[in-house]
Amino acid sequence: MTVPAVVLLLAFNYLPLFGLATAFQDYDPLVGVWHSDWVGFDQFRQLFSDPLFWESMKNTLYLSFVQLILFFPVPVALALLLNSVLSERLRNFIQSVAYLPHFFSWVLTITVFQQMLGGAGALNQFLRQHNMGTWDIMTNPHTFALLVTSQAVWKEAGWGIIVFLAALAGINQELYEAAAVDGAGRFRRMWHITLPGMRGVVVLMLVLRLGNALSVGFEQFLIQRDAVGHDAADVLDTFSFYYGIATGNYSYGAAAGLFKSVISLLLIWGANRLAHAFGEDGLYRG
């Protein structure tokens, strides 16, 4: 049963790693990797002297920070709220509704936001009818970070609670009963039993989140780039596409992608060491 999964993993995750060699070449797709000229670190020197690259890097870090602060706690809070719902049928219904948007494409997600918050959307139509002006949300580069974070919360937060609900299910229920007998209220039970019981999973998910911090979303930003401008929407993934693949400069895009991968690996290593410092297992021991 594991053979198809291993084959897919090798085909789509490991075999493409050989393409990283193009980051050190002046890659020509007509002659292929084996016959393209090697240029060493020339692509990286050009990359590090490109102001557009550093602008994309700054946007990536800023958007990752905003999403870490505003998005990451939401699935934890939703899991705690759902866990407090006594009716199992109601809990399952709320959970199903919450994680349904996960199955929507980014095109559909952004279309929904456009219909609600766009210039001709429901919100601005309501404001016009009451002579209250309009609210520029979908095309405002200054609030773009909050917009994309809101989209990510609506689309993915419900799906994220699955892991935290599983962690809650693993907590010994006798601890709650003993605490209730001792007179502990709901808040004290949550603070002294629920949150410590979830801490290991929360730390693990935080490590994974930090390791994936530079991948803030390609499709989401690609679709909305023209609306807010490249200064606000260009991240490392869109930079690799627009200034690498789209221009035929594949080696330049590969260099940007390799740089991003190395930094992501360092972030995972650092976050894992930090988890160990707090007494948690993190992603791995070693």
Protein backbone atom coordinates (compact mmCIF):
# COMPACT_ATOMS: atom_id res chain seq x y z
CA MET A 1 0.00 0.00 0.00
CA THR A 2 2.94 2.33 0.60
CA VAL A 3 4.53 1.77 -2.82
CA PRO A 4 2.35 4.32 -4.71
CA ALA A 5 3.02 6.94 -2.01
CA VAL A 6 6.77 6.31 -2.17
CA VAL A 7 6.73 6.51 -5.97
CA LEU A 8 4.85 9.82 -5.88
CA LEU A 9 7.24 11.15 -3.24
CA LEU A 10 10.26 10.22 -5.34
CA ALA A 11 8.77 11.52 -8.58
CA PHE A 12 7.56 14.89 -7.32
CA ASN A 13 9.81 15.67 -4.34
CA TYR A 14 13.22 14.07 -4.85
CA LEU A 15 13.83 13.67 -8.57
CA PRO A 16 13.20 17.41 -9.20
CA LEU A 17 16.11 18.16 -6.83
CA PHE A 18 18.50 17.37 -9.69
CA GLY A 19 17.12 20.46 -11.40
CA LEU A 20 18.83 22.60 -8.76
CA ALA A 21 21.98 22.22 -10.83
CA THR A 22 20.54 24.81 -13.20
CA ALA A 23 21.05 27.45 -10.48
CA PHE A 24 24.80 27.14 -11.17
CA GLN A 25 24.45 27.17 -14.96
CA ASP A 26 23.49 29.44 -17.79
CA TYR A 27 20.73 26.96 -18.51
CA ASP A 28 19.57 26.55 -22.09
CA PRO A 29 16.48 24.32 -22.43
CA LEU A 30 17.45 23.53 -26.04
CA VAL A 31 20.62 21.70 -24.98
CA GLY A 32 19.54 20.53 -21.53
CA VAL A 33 21.26 20.36 -18.17
CA TRP A 34 24.18 18.22 -19.30
CA HIS A 35 25.32 20.59 -22.03
CA SER A 36 24.52 24.00 -20.53
CA ASP A 37 27.47 26.18 -19.50
CA TRP A 38 28.44 26.21 -15.84
CA VAL A 39 28.75 29.70 -14.34
CA GLY A 40 29.27 28.87 -10.67
CA PHE A 41 27.78 31.46 -8.33
CA ASP A 42 27.17 34.13 -10.98
CA GLN A 43 23.39 33.73 -10.72
CA PHE A 44 23.54 34.25 -6.96
CA ARG A 45 25.76 37.32 -7.29
CA GLN A 46 23.26 38.82 -9.71
CA LEU A 47 20.41 37.80 -7.40
CA PHE A 48 21.90 39.43 -4.31
CA SER A 49 22.53 42.67 -6.19
CA ASP A 50 18.96 42.84 -7.50
CA PRO A 51 16.82 45.33 -5.49
CA LEU A 52 13.64 43.60 -6.70
CA PHE A 53 14.82 40.39 -5.03
CA TRP A 54 15.36 42.10 -1.68
CA GLU A 55 11.98 43.82 -2.00
CA SER A 56 10.39 40.40 -2.54
CA MET A 57 12.34 39.03 0.41
CA LYS A 58 11.13 41.86 2.64
CA ASN A 59 7.51 41.31 1.55
CA THR A 60 7.83 37.57 2.20
CA LEU A 61 9.19 38.03 5.72
CA TYR A 62 6.62 40.70 6.56
CA LEU A 63 3.67 38.67 5.28
CA SER A 64 4.96 35.55 7.03
CA PHE A 65 5.22 37.45 10.30
CA VAL A 66 1.70 38.86 9.96
CA GLN A 67 0.25 35.45 9.16
CA LEU A 68 2.18 33.83 12.02
CA ILE A 69 0.79 36.33 14.53
CA LEU A 70 -2.77 36.54 13.21
CA PHE A 71 -3.36 33.16 11.54
CA PHE A 72 -1.54 30.56 13.64
CA PRO A 73 -3.56 31.09 16.89
CA VAL A 74 -6.92 30.83 15.08
CA PRO A 75 -7.02 27.01 14.61
CA VAL A 76 -5.97 26.57 18.25
CA ALA A 77 -8.76 28.86 19.45
CA LEU A 78 -11.32 27.17 17.18
CA ALA A 79 -10.30 23.75 18.47
CA LEU A 80 -10.72 24.91 22.08
CA LEU A 81 -14.14 26.37 21.30
CA LEU A 82 -15.33 23.26 19.47
CA ASN A 83 -14.05 21.06 22.25
CA SER A 84 -16.29 22.94 24.68
CA VAL A 85 -19.43 22.25 22.62
CA LEU A 86 -21.33 19.50 24.38
CA SER A 87 -23.49 18.36 21.46
CA GLU A 88 -21.48 16.04 19.22
CA ARG A 89 -23.84 16.60 16.30
CA LEU A 90 -23.50 20.39 16.57
CA ARG A 91 -19.73 20.08 16.96
CA ASN A 92 -19.44 17.95 13.81
CA PHE A 93 -21.66 20.37 11.87
CA ILE A 94 -19.59 23.42 12.87
CA GLN A 95 -16.35 21.62 12.07
CA SER A 96 -17.63 20.57 8.64
CA VAL A 97 -18.71 24.11 7.79
CA ALA A 98 -15.41 25.53 9.08
CA TYR A 99 -13.13 23.31 7.01
CA LEU A 100 -15.24 23.25 3.83
CA PRO A 101 -13.39 26.30 2.33
CA HIS A 102 -10.17 24.27 2.42
CA PHE A 103 -11.41 22.44 -0.68
CA PHE A 104 -11.98 25.68 -2.59
CA SER A 105 -9.32 26.81 -5.05
CA TRP A 106 -7.62 30.16 -4.51
CA VAL A 107 -9.41 31.46 -7.58
CA LEU A 108 -12.78 30.72 -5.98
CA THR A 109 -11.65 32.04 -2.59
CA ILE A 110 -10.51 35.36 -4.01
CA THR A 111 -13.68 35.57 -6.11
CA VAL A 112 -15.76 35.24 -2.95
CA PHE A 113 -13.79 38.04 -1.29
CA GLN A 114 -14.12 40.14 -4.43
CA GLN A 115 -17.89 39.69 -4.43
CA MET A 116 -18.05 40.69 -0.76
CA LEU A 117 -15.35 43.37 -0.44
CA GLY A 118 -14.56 44.50 -4.00
CA GLY A 119 -15.48 47.83 -5.55
CA ALA A 120 -18.80 46.42 -6.76
CA GLY A 121 -19.12 43.98 -3.88
CA ALA A 122 -21.82 43.66 -1.27
CA LEU A 123 -20.06 45.82 1.33
CA ASN A 124 -19.48 48.80 -0.97
CA GLN A 125 -22.96 48.49 -2.44
CA PHE A 126 -24.36 48.79 1.07
CA LEU A 127 -22.10 51.77 1.84
CA ARG A 128 -23.18 53.55 -1.37
CA GLN A 129 -26.85 53.01 -0.64
CA HIS A 130 -26.40 54.75 2.71
CA ASN A 131 -24.17 57.54 1.32
CA MET A 132 -21.19 56.39 3.36
CA GLY A 133 -18.63 56.35 0.55
CA THR A 134 -16.68 53.22 -0.32
CA TRP A 135 -14.01 51.15 1.35
CA ASP A 136 -11.02 50.24 -0.82
CA ILE A 137 -9.92 46.79 0.33
CA MET A 138 -9.15 44.53 -2.62
CA THR A 139 -6.87 47.05 -4.38
CA ASN A 140 -5.24 48.77 -1.40
CA PRO A 141 -1.55 47.82 -1.13
CA HIS A 142 -1.31 49.20 2.42
CA THR A 143 -3.82 46.69 3.80
CA PHE A 144 -2.83 43.82 1.50
CA ALA A 145 -1.16 41.87 4.34
CA LEU A 146 -4.37 41.89 6.36
CA LEU A 147 -6.40 40.95 3.28
CA VAL A 148 -4.34 37.88 2.38
CA THR A 149 -4.23 36.82 6.03
CA SER A 150 -8.03 37.06 6.22
CA GLN A 151 -8.29 34.95 3.08
CA ALA A 152 -5.92 32.35 4.53
CA VAL A 153 -7.87 32.24 7.81
CA TRP A 154 -11.18 31.75 6.02
CA LYS A 155 -9.78 29.07 3.73
CA GLU A 156 -7.42 27.08 5.94
CA ALA A 157 -8.16 27.68 9.65
CA GLY A 158 -10.99 25.16 9.73
CA TRP A 159 -8.78 22.47 8.23
CA GLY A 160 -6.02 23.26 10.73
CA ILE A 161 -8.20 22.49 13.74
CA ILE A 162 -8.21 18.78 12.87
CA VAL A 163 -4.71 18.30 14.29
CA PHE A 164 -5.48 20.24 17.46
CA LEU A 165 -8.78 18.40 18.01
CA ALA A 166 -6.82 15.15 17.77
CA ALA A 167 -4.45 16.46 20.44
CA LEU A 168 -7.41 17.37 22.65
CA ALA A 169 -8.88 13.89 22.19
CA GLY A 170 -5.66 12.41 23.58
CA ILE A 171 -5.93 14.22 26.92
CA ASN A 172 -6.98 11.96 29.80
CA GLN A 173 -10.58 12.90 30.70
CA GLU A 174 -10.03 11.77 34.28
CA LEU A 175 -7.84 14.82 34.77
CA TYR A 176 -10.84 17.07 34.05
CA GLU A 177 -13.04 15.08 36.43
CA ALA A 178 -10.45 15.26 39.21
CA ALA A 179 -9.98 19.00 38.66
CA ALA A 180 -13.75 19.57 38.72
CA VAL A 181 -14.02 17.66 41.99
CA ASP A 182 -11.30 19.90 43.44
CA GLY A 183 -13.37 22.94 42.50
CA ALA A 184 -11.50 24.06 39.36
CA GLY A 185 -13.67 26.06 36.99
CA ARG A 186 -13.71 25.79 33.20
CA PHE A 187 -11.00 28.41 32.72
CA ARG A 188 -8.63 26.84 35.26
CA ARG A 189 -9.16 23.40 33.71
CA MET A 190 -8.31 24.82 30.31
CA TRP A 191 -5.24 26.62 31.65
CA HIS A 192 -3.80 23.75 33.70
CA ILE A 193 -4.92 20.69 31.70
CA THR A 194 -5.99 21.52 28.16
CA LEU A 195 -3.23 23.91 27.13
CA PRO A 196 -0.36 21.81 28.62
CA GLY A 197 -1.86 18.76 26.90
CA MET A 198 -1.79 20.57 23.55
CA ARG A 199 1.64 22.15 23.99
CA GLY A 200 3.63 19.44 22.21
CA VAL A 201 1.40 19.52 19.13
CA VAL A 202 1.30 23.33 19.10
CA VAL A 203 5.10 23.48 19.21
CA LEU A 204 5.37 20.89 16.43
CA MET A 205 2.97 22.81 14.21
CA LEU A 206 4.83 26.03 14.98
CA VAL A 207 8.12 24.44 13.90
CA LEU A 208 6.53 23.32 10.63
CA ARG A 209 4.98 26.75 10.17
CA LEU A 210 8.32 28.50 10.64
CA GLY A 211 10.00 26.09 8.24
CA ASN A 212 7.38 26.97 5.65
CA ALA A 213 7.45 30.69 6.45
CA LEU A 214 8.94 31.71 3.10
CA SER A 215 6.19 29.89 1.18
CA VAL A 216 3.36 32.30 1.89
CA GLY A 217 1.35 31.28 -1.16
CA PHE A 218 2.06 31.44 -4.88
CA GLU A 219 -1.41 31.30 -6.45
CA GLN A 220 -2.95 33.67 -3.91
CA PHE A 221 -0.41 36.40 -4.67
CA LEU A 222 -0.19 35.69 -8.39
CA ILE A 223 -3.93 36.28 -8.82
CA GLN A 224 -3.97 39.54 -6.85
CA ARG A 225 -0.64 41.00 -7.99
CA ASP A 226 -2.11 43.19 -10.72
CA ALA A 227 -4.74 44.60 -8.36
CA VAL A 228 -2.33 45.88 -5.68
CA GLY A 229 0.93 46.16 -7.63
CA HIS A 230 4.16 44.18 -7.51
CA ASP A 231 5.58 46.31 -4.69
CA ALA A 232 3.04 44.86 -2.27
CA ALA A 233 2.37 41.41 -3.73
CA ASP A 234 5.75 40.16 -4.95
CA VAL A 235 7.11 37.40 -2.73
CA LEU A 236 9.96 34.96 -3.39
CA ASP A 237 7.72 32.50 -5.26
CA THR A 238 6.26 35.14 -7.57
CA PHE A 239 9.72 36.66 -8.02
CA SER A 240 11.05 33.30 -9.24
CA PHE A 241 8.14 33.05 -11.65
CA TYR A 242 8.07 36.58 -13.08
CA TYR A 243 11.79 37.23 -13.25
CA GLY A 244 12.89 33.66 -13.88
CA ILE A 245 10.45 31.35 -15.65
CA ALA A 246 8.32 34.02 -17.38
CA THR A 247 11.40 35.70 -18.87
CA GLY A 248 13.07 32.43 -19.88
CA ASN A 249 15.88 32.99 -17.34
CA TYR A 250 15.39 29.62 -15.69
CA SER A 251 18.74 29.60 -13.90
CA TYR A 252 17.93 32.90 -12.21
CA GLY A 253 14.59 31.55 -10.96
CA ALA A 254 16.27 28.34 -9.79
CA ALA A 255 18.85 30.37 -7.84
CA ALA A 256 16.06 32.28 -6.08
CA GLY A 257 14.26 29.02 -5.31
CA LEU A 258 17.42 27.38 -3.95
CA PHE A 259 18.13 30.38 -1.73
CA LYS A 260 14.59 30.16 -0.36
CA SER A 261 14.98 26.42 0.32
CA VAL A 262 18.24 26.88 2.22
CA ILE A 263 16.77 29.62 4.41
CA SER A 264 13.68 27.47 5.06
CA LEU A 265 15.91 24.59 6.13
CA LEU A 266 17.76 26.88 8.55
CA LEU A 267 14.44 28.11 9.94
CA ILE A 268 13.31 24.52 10.61
CA TRP A 269 16.62 23.74 12.30
CA GLY A 270 16.46 26.87 14.45
CA ALA A 271 12.81 26.39 15.41
CA ASN A 272 13.48 22.75 16.29
CA ARG A 273 16.41 23.72 18.53
CA LEU A 274 14.17 26.29 20.20
CA ALA A 275 11.54 23.61 20.81
CA HIS A 276 14.17 21.43 22.48
CA ALA A 277 15.17 24.36 24.67
CA PHE A 278 11.57 24.50 25.95
CA GLY A 279 11.57 20.77 26.67
CA GLU A 280 9.51 19.64 23.66
CA ASP A 281 10.38 17.01 21.05
CA GLY A 282 9.82 19.32 18.12
CA LEU A 283 10.10 17.81 14.66
CA TYR A 284 13.03 15.50 15.41
CA ARG A 285 15.61 14.74 18.06
CA GLY A 286 19.30 14.95 17.39
